[in-house]
Amino acid sequence: MNPEYIEVGRQYFVGWGTLMLINAVLAQGKNRGGLVWFLISLILGPFATLILALVPKLPERQ
């Protein structure tokens, strides 16, 4: 395998993982399940970020 190909794949993996963490934090900031959105981001990636940006914040639970 070409070493450049491996490096690009590694960068893609790190970027996707970072996006998953960002989405989890964004979800928790909107009073939604961080772990759930972390896993949703594994599949949807940037589309999950868009969805989270557009949904309103839930009221806090008591």
PDB file of N, CA and C in Angstrom:
ATOM      1  N   MET A   1       0.832  -1.192   0.000  1.00  0.00           N
ATOM      2  CA  MET A   1       0.000   0.000   0.000  1.00  0.00           C
ATOM      3  C   MET A   1       0.874   1.252   0.000  1.00  0.00           C
ATOM      4  N   ASN A   2       0.340   2.264  -0.587  1.00  0.00           N
ATOM      5  CA  ASN A   2       1.009   3.547  -0.666  1.00  0.00           C
ATOM      6  C   ASN A   2       0.952   4.240   0.701  1.00  0.00           C
ATOM      7  N   PRO A   3       2.086   4.680   1.257  1.00  0.00           N
ATOM      8  CA  PRO A   3       2.072   5.346   2.567  1.00  0.00           C
ATOM      9  C   PRO A   3       1.217   6.608   2.589  1.00  0.00           C
ATOM     10  N   GLU A   4       1.128   7.312   1.476  1.00  0.00           N
ATOM     11  CA  GLU A   4       0.291   8.511   1.422  1.00  0.00           C
ATOM     12  C   GLU A   4      -1.181   8.141   1.576  1.00  0.00           C
ATOM     13  N   TYR A   5      -1.578   7.034   1.013  1.00  0.00           N
ATOM     14  CA  TYR A   5      -2.956   6.566   1.121  1.00  0.00           C
ATOM     15  C   TYR A   5      -3.298   6.242   2.573  1.00  0.00           C
ATOM     16  N   ILE A   6      -2.359   5.626   3.278  1.00  0.00           N
ATOM     17  CA  ILE A   6      -2.569   5.286   4.687  1.00  0.00           C
ATOM     18  C   ILE A   6      -2.688   6.561   5.513  1.00  0.00           C
ATOM     19  N   GLU A   7      -1.857   7.554   5.233  1.00  0.00           N
ATOM     20  CA  GLU A   7      -1.889   8.815   5.984  1.00  0.00           C
ATOM     21  C   GLU A   7      -3.207   9.550   5.770  1.00  0.00           C
ATOM     22  N   VAL A   8      -3.698   9.564   4.560  1.00  0.00           N
ATOM     23  CA  VAL A   8      -4.983  10.218   4.278  1.00  0.00           C
ATOM     24  C   VAL A   8      -6.096   9.503   5.029  1.00  0.00           C
ATOM     25  N   GLY A   9      -6.072   8.191   5.056  1.00  0.00           N
ATOM     26  CA  GLY A   9      -7.073   7.429   5.798  1.00  0.00           C
ATOM     27  C   GLY A   9      -7.015   7.715   7.284  1.00  0.00           C
ATOM     28  N   ARG A  10      -5.820   7.857   7.815  1.00  0.00           N
ATOM     29  CA  ARG A  10      -5.642   8.163   9.235  1.00  0.00           C
ATOM     30  C   ARG A  10      -6.194   9.553   9.552  1.00  0.00           C
ATOM     31  N   GLN A  11      -5.941  10.521   8.692  1.00  0.00           N
ATOM     32  CA  GLN A  11      -6.454  11.878   8.897  1.00  0.00           C
ATOM     33  C   GLN A  11      -7.980  11.894   8.835  1.00  0.00           C
ATOM     34  N   TYR A  12      -8.543  11.133   7.927  1.00  0.00           N
ATOM     35  CA  TYR A  12      -9.994  11.034   7.808  1.00  0.00           C
ATOM     36  C   TYR A  12     -10.592  10.455   9.084  1.00  0.00           C
ATOM     37  N   PHE A  13      -9.966   9.415   9.627  1.00  0.00           N
ATOM     38  CA  PHE A  13     -10.433   8.767  10.851  1.00  0.00           C
ATOM     39  C   PHE A  13     -10.375   9.741  12.030  1.00  0.00           C
ATOM     40  N   VAL A  14      -9.285  10.475  12.158  1.00  0.00           N
ATOM     41  CA  VAL A  14      -9.135  11.435  13.258  1.00  0.00           C
ATOM     42  C   VAL A  14     -10.150  12.568  13.117  1.00  0.00           C
ATOM     43  N   GLY A  15     -10.343  13.055  11.927  1.00  0.00           N
ATOM     44  CA  GLY A  15     -11.317  14.132  11.698  1.00  0.00           C
ATOM     45  C   GLY A  15     -12.739  13.697  12.015  1.00  0.00           C
ATOM     46  N   TRP A  16     -13.096  12.493  11.591  1.00  0.00           N
ATOM     47  CA  TRP A  16     -14.444  11.968  11.841  1.00  0.00           C
ATOM     48  C   TRP A  16     -14.660  11.770  13.341  1.00  0.00           C
ATOM     49  N   GLY A  17     -13.649  11.261  14.032  1.00  0.00           N
ATOM     50  CA  GLY A  17     -13.732  11.061  15.473  1.00  0.00           C
ATOM     51  C   GLY A  17     -13.869  12.375  16.216  1.00  0.00           C
ATOM     52  N   THR A  18     -13.142  13.386  15.774  1.00  0.00           N
ATOM     53  CA  THR A  18     -13.255  14.710  16.378  1.00  0.00           C
ATOM     54  C   THR A  18     -14.650  15.278  16.175  1.00  0.00           C
ATOM     55  N   LEU A  19     -15.200  15.110  14.998  1.00  0.00           N
ATOM     56  CA  LEU A  19     -16.552  15.577  14.719  1.00  0.00           C
ATOM     57  C   LEU A  19     -17.569  14.867  15.605  1.00  0.00           C
ATOM     58  N   MET A  20     -17.370  13.582  15.863  1.00  0.00           N
ATOM     59  CA  MET A  20     -18.266  12.840  16.753  1.00  0.00           C
ATOM     60  C   MET A  20     -18.240  13.430  18.161  1.00  0.00           C
ATOM     61  N   LEU A  21     -17.055  13.768  18.648  1.00  0.00           N
ATOM     62  CA  LEU A  21     -16.946  14.378  19.976  1.00  0.00           C
ATOM     63  C   LEU A  21     -17.589  15.763  20.023  1.00  0.00           C
ATOM     64  N   ILE A  22     -17.382  16.543  18.989  1.00  0.00           N
ATOM     65  CA  ILE A  22     -17.993  17.874  18.919  1.00  0.00           C
ATOM     66  C   ILE A  22     -19.512  17.757  18.928  1.00  0.00           C
ATOM     67  N   ASN A  23     -20.049  16.808  18.176  1.00  0.00           N
ATOM     68  CA  ASN A  23     -21.498  16.620  18.137  1.00  0.00           C
ATOM     69  C   ASN A  23     -22.043  16.173  19.490  1.00  0.00           C
ATOM     70  N   ALA A  24     -21.309  15.336  20.204  1.00  0.00           N
ATOM     71  CA  ALA A  24     -21.745  14.900  21.534  1.00  0.00           C
ATOM     72  C   ALA A  24     -21.824  16.088  22.482  1.00  0.00           C
ATOM     73  N   VAL A  25     -20.833  16.959  22.446  1.00  0.00           N
ATOM     74  CA  VAL A  25     -20.834  18.147  23.306  1.00  0.00           C
ATOM     75  C   VAL A  25     -21.948  19.102  22.895  1.00  0.00           C
ATOM     76  N   LEU A  26     -22.138  19.287  21.606  1.00  0.00           N
ATOM     77  CA  LEU A  26     -23.221  20.148  21.111  1.00  0.00           C
ATOM     78  C   LEU A  26     -24.577  19.611  21.543  1.00  0.00           C
ATOM     79  N   ALA A  27     -24.762  18.303  21.475  1.00  0.00           N
ATOM     80  CA  ALA A  27     -26.025  17.686  21.888  1.00  0.00           C
ATOM     81  C   ALA A  27     -26.273  17.890  23.381  1.00  0.00           C
ATOM     82  N   GLN A  28     -25.242  17.716  24.194  1.00  0.00           N
ATOM     83  CA  GLN A  28     -25.406  17.916  25.632  1.00  0.00           C
ATOM     84  C   GLN A  28     -25.730  19.366  25.944  1.00  0.00           C
ATOM     85  N   GLY A  29     -25.194  20.281  25.184  1.00  0.00           N
ATOM     86  CA  GLY A  29     -25.502  21.700  25.355  1.00  0.00           C
ATOM     87  C   GLY A  29     -26.947  22.017  25.035  1.00  0.00           C
ATOM     88  N   LYS A  30     -27.577  21.163  24.248  1.00  0.00           N
ATOM     89  CA  LYS A  30     -28.992  21.344  23.905  1.00  0.00           C
ATOM     90  C   LYS A  30     -29.883  20.392  24.696  1.00  0.00           C
ATOM     91  N   ASN A  31     -29.345  19.863  25.794  1.00  0.00           N
ATOM     92  CA  ASN A  31     -30.070  18.957  26.691  1.00  0.00           C
ATOM     93  C   ASN A  31     -30.548  17.692  25.974  1.00  0.00           C
ATOM     94  N   ARG A  32     -29.712  17.176  25.121  1.00  0.00           N
ATOM     95  CA  ARG A  32     -29.987  15.919  24.416  1.00  0.00           C
ATOM     96  C   ARG A  32     -28.912  14.909  24.795  1.00  0.00           C
ATOM     97  N   GLY A  33     -29.151  13.649  24.499  1.00  0.00           N
ATOM     98  CA  GLY A  33     -28.216  12.589  24.880  1.00  0.00           C
ATOM     99  C   GLY A  33     -26.913  12.652  24.099  1.00  0.00           C
ATOM    100  N   GLY A  34     -25.828  12.927  24.794  1.00  0.00           N
ATOM    101  CA  GLY A  34     -24.529  13.028  24.140  1.00  0.00           C
ATOM    102  C   GLY A  34     -24.067  11.716  23.538  1.00  0.00           C
ATOM    103  N   LEU A  35     -24.261  10.614  24.271  1.00  0.00           N
ATOM    104  CA  LEU A  35     -23.833   9.308  23.770  1.00  0.00           C
ATOM    105  C   LEU A  35     -24.641   8.904  22.540  1.00  0.00           C
ATOM    106  N   VAL A  36     -25.923   9.181  22.569  1.00  0.00           N
ATOM    107  CA  VAL A  36     -26.784   8.860  21.422  1.00  0.00           C
ATOM    108  C   VAL A  36     -26.312   9.616  20.186  1.00  0.00           C
ATOM    109  N   TRP A  37     -26.041  10.905  20.344  1.00  0.00           N
ATOM    110  CA  TRP A  37     -25.614  11.701  19.199  1.00  0.00           C
ATOM    111  C   TRP A  37     -24.187  11.381  18.784  1.00  0.00           C
ATOM    112  N   PHE A  38     -23.374  10.914  19.720  1.00  0.00           N
ATOM    113  CA  PHE A  38     -22.032  10.433  19.376  1.00  0.00           C
ATOM    114  C   PHE A  38     -22.148   9.264  18.405  1.00  0.00           C
ATOM    115  N   LEU A  39     -23.059   8.338  18.711  1.00  0.00           N
ATOM    116  CA  LEU A  39     -23.243   7.163  17.857  1.00  0.00           C
ATOM    117  C   LEU A  39     -23.941   7.521  16.539  1.00  0.00           C
ATOM    118  N   ILE A  40     -24.885   8.444  16.597  1.00  0.00           N
ATOM    119  CA  ILE A  40     -25.534   8.908  15.365  1.00  0.00           C
ATOM    120  C   ILE A  40     -24.495   9.544  14.445  1.00  0.00           C
ATOM    121  N   SER A  41     -23.559  10.280  15.030  1.00  0.00           N
ATOM    122  CA  SER A  41     -22.513  10.938  14.248  1.00  0.00           C
ATOM    123  C   SER A  41     -21.574   9.947  13.578  1.00  0.00           C
ATOM    124  N   LEU A  42     -21.461   8.775  14.146  1.00  0.00           N
ATOM    125  CA  LEU A  42     -20.643   7.737  13.529  1.00  0.00           C
ATOM    126  C   LEU A  42     -21.183   7.400  12.147  1.00  0.00           C
ATOM    127  N   ILE A  43     -22.501   7.436  12.010  1.00  0.00           N
ATOM    128  CA  ILE A  43     -23.134   7.085  10.743  1.00  0.00           C
ATOM    129  C   ILE A  43     -23.356   8.314   9.856  1.00  0.00           C
ATOM    130  N   LEU A  44     -23.884   9.388  10.451  1.00  0.00           N
ATOM    131  CA  LEU A  44     -24.277  10.554   9.659  1.00  0.00           C
ATOM    132  C   LEU A  44     -23.196  11.622   9.512  1.00  0.00           C
ATOM    133  N   GLY A  45     -22.257  11.650  10.447  1.00  0.00           N
ATOM    134  CA  GLY A  45     -21.156  12.607  10.381  1.00  0.00           C
ATOM    135  C   GLY A  45     -21.609  14.052  10.315  1.00  0.00           C
ATOM    136  N   PRO A  46     -21.215  14.781   9.276  1.00  0.00           N
ATOM    137  CA  PRO A  46     -21.538  16.205   9.178  1.00  0.00           C
ATOM    138  C   PRO A  46     -23.040  16.482   9.117  1.00  0.00           C
ATOM    139  N   PHE A  47     -23.823  15.539   8.637  1.00  0.00           N
ATOM    140  CA  PHE A  47     -25.267  15.740   8.598  1.00  0.00           C
ATOM    141  C   PHE A  47     -25.846  15.777  10.012  1.00  0.00           C
ATOM    142  N   ALA A  48     -25.250  15.025  10.932  1.00  0.00           N
ATOM    143  CA  ALA A  48     -25.676  15.070  12.338  1.00  0.00           C
ATOM    144  C   ALA A  48     -25.392  16.447  12.921  1.00  0.00           C
ATOM    145  N   THR A  49     -24.278  17.045  12.545  1.00  0.00           N
ATOM    146  CA  THR A  49     -23.954  18.397  13.004  1.00  0.00           C
ATOM    147  C   THR A  49     -24.998  19.390  12.501  1.00  0.00           C
ATOM    148  N   LEU A  50     -25.378  19.262  11.258  1.00  0.00           N
ATOM    149  CA  LEU A  50     -26.394  20.139  10.690  1.00  0.00           C
ATOM    150  C   LEU A  50     -27.725  19.973  11.412  1.00  0.00           C
ATOM    151  N   ILE A  51     -28.120  18.740  11.664  1.00  0.00           N
ATOM    152  CA  ILE A  51     -29.370  18.473  12.380  1.00  0.00           C
ATOM    153  C   ILE A  51     -29.324  19.089  13.769  1.00  0.00           C
ATOM    154  N   LEU A  52     -28.215  18.880  14.486  1.00  0.00           N
ATOM    155  CA  LEU A  52     -28.084  19.440  15.831  1.00  0.00           C
ATOM    156  C   LEU A  52     -28.099  20.959  15.819  1.00  0.00           C
ATOM    157  N   ALA A  53     -27.538  21.557  14.796  1.00  0.00           N
ATOM    158  CA  ALA A  53     -27.523  23.014  14.711  1.00  0.00           C
ATOM    159  C   ALA A  53     -28.924  23.571  14.482  1.00  0.00           C
ATOM    160  N   LEU A  54     -29.788  22.799  13.842  1.00  0.00           N
ATOM    161  CA  LEU A  54     -31.115  23.291  13.500  1.00  0.00           C
ATOM    162  C   LEU A  54     -32.193  22.970  14.540  1.00  0.00           C
ATOM    163  N   VAL A  55     -31.995  21.944  15.357  1.00  0.00           N
ATOM    164  CA  VAL A  55     -33.022  21.597  16.337  1.00  0.00           C
ATOM    165  C   VAL A  55     -32.954  22.545  17.532  1.00  0.00           C
ATOM    166  N   PRO A  56     -34.109  22.860  18.117  1.00  0.00           N
ATOM    167  CA  PRO A  56     -34.114  23.767  19.268  1.00  0.00           C
ATOM    168  C   PRO A  56     -33.607  23.083  20.532  1.00  0.00           C
ATOM    169  N   LYS A  57     -33.204  23.886  21.479  1.00  0.00           N
ATOM    170  CA  LYS A  57     -32.756  23.367  22.778  1.00  0.00           C
ATOM    171  C   LYS A  57     -33.959  22.879  23.562  1.00  0.00           C
ATOM    172  N   LEU A  58     -33.825  21.709  24.168  1.00  0.00           N
ATOM    173  CA  LEU A  58     -34.899  21.162  24.994  1.00  0.00           C
ATOM    174  C   LEU A  58     -34.900  21.836  26.357  1.00  0.00           C
ATOM    175  N   PRO A  59     -36.070  21.987  26.975  1.00  0.00           N
ATOM    176  CA  PRO A  59     -36.090  22.543  28.331  1.00  0.00           C
ATOM    177  C   PRO A  59     -35.409  21.573  29.290  1.00  0.00           C
ATOM    178  N   GLU A  60     -34.816  22.120  30.340  1.00  0.00           N
ATOM    179  CA  GLU A  60     -34.109  21.280  31.310  1.00  0.00           C
ATOM    180  C   GLU A  60     -35.083  20.440  32.095  1.00  0.00           C
ATOM    181  N   ARG A  61     -34.651  19.201  32.394  1.00  0.00           N
ATOM    182  CA  ARG A  61     -35.474  18.280  33.198  1.00  0.00           C
ATOM    183  C   ARG A  61     -35.296  18.589  34.671  1.00  0.00           C
ATOM    184  N   GLN A  62     -36.340  18.347  35.434  1.00  0.00           N
ATOM    185  CA  GLN A  62     -36.239  18.596  36.874  1.00  0.00           C
ATOM    186  C   GLN A  62     -36.208  17.322  37.644  1.00  0.00           C
TER     187      GLN A  62
END
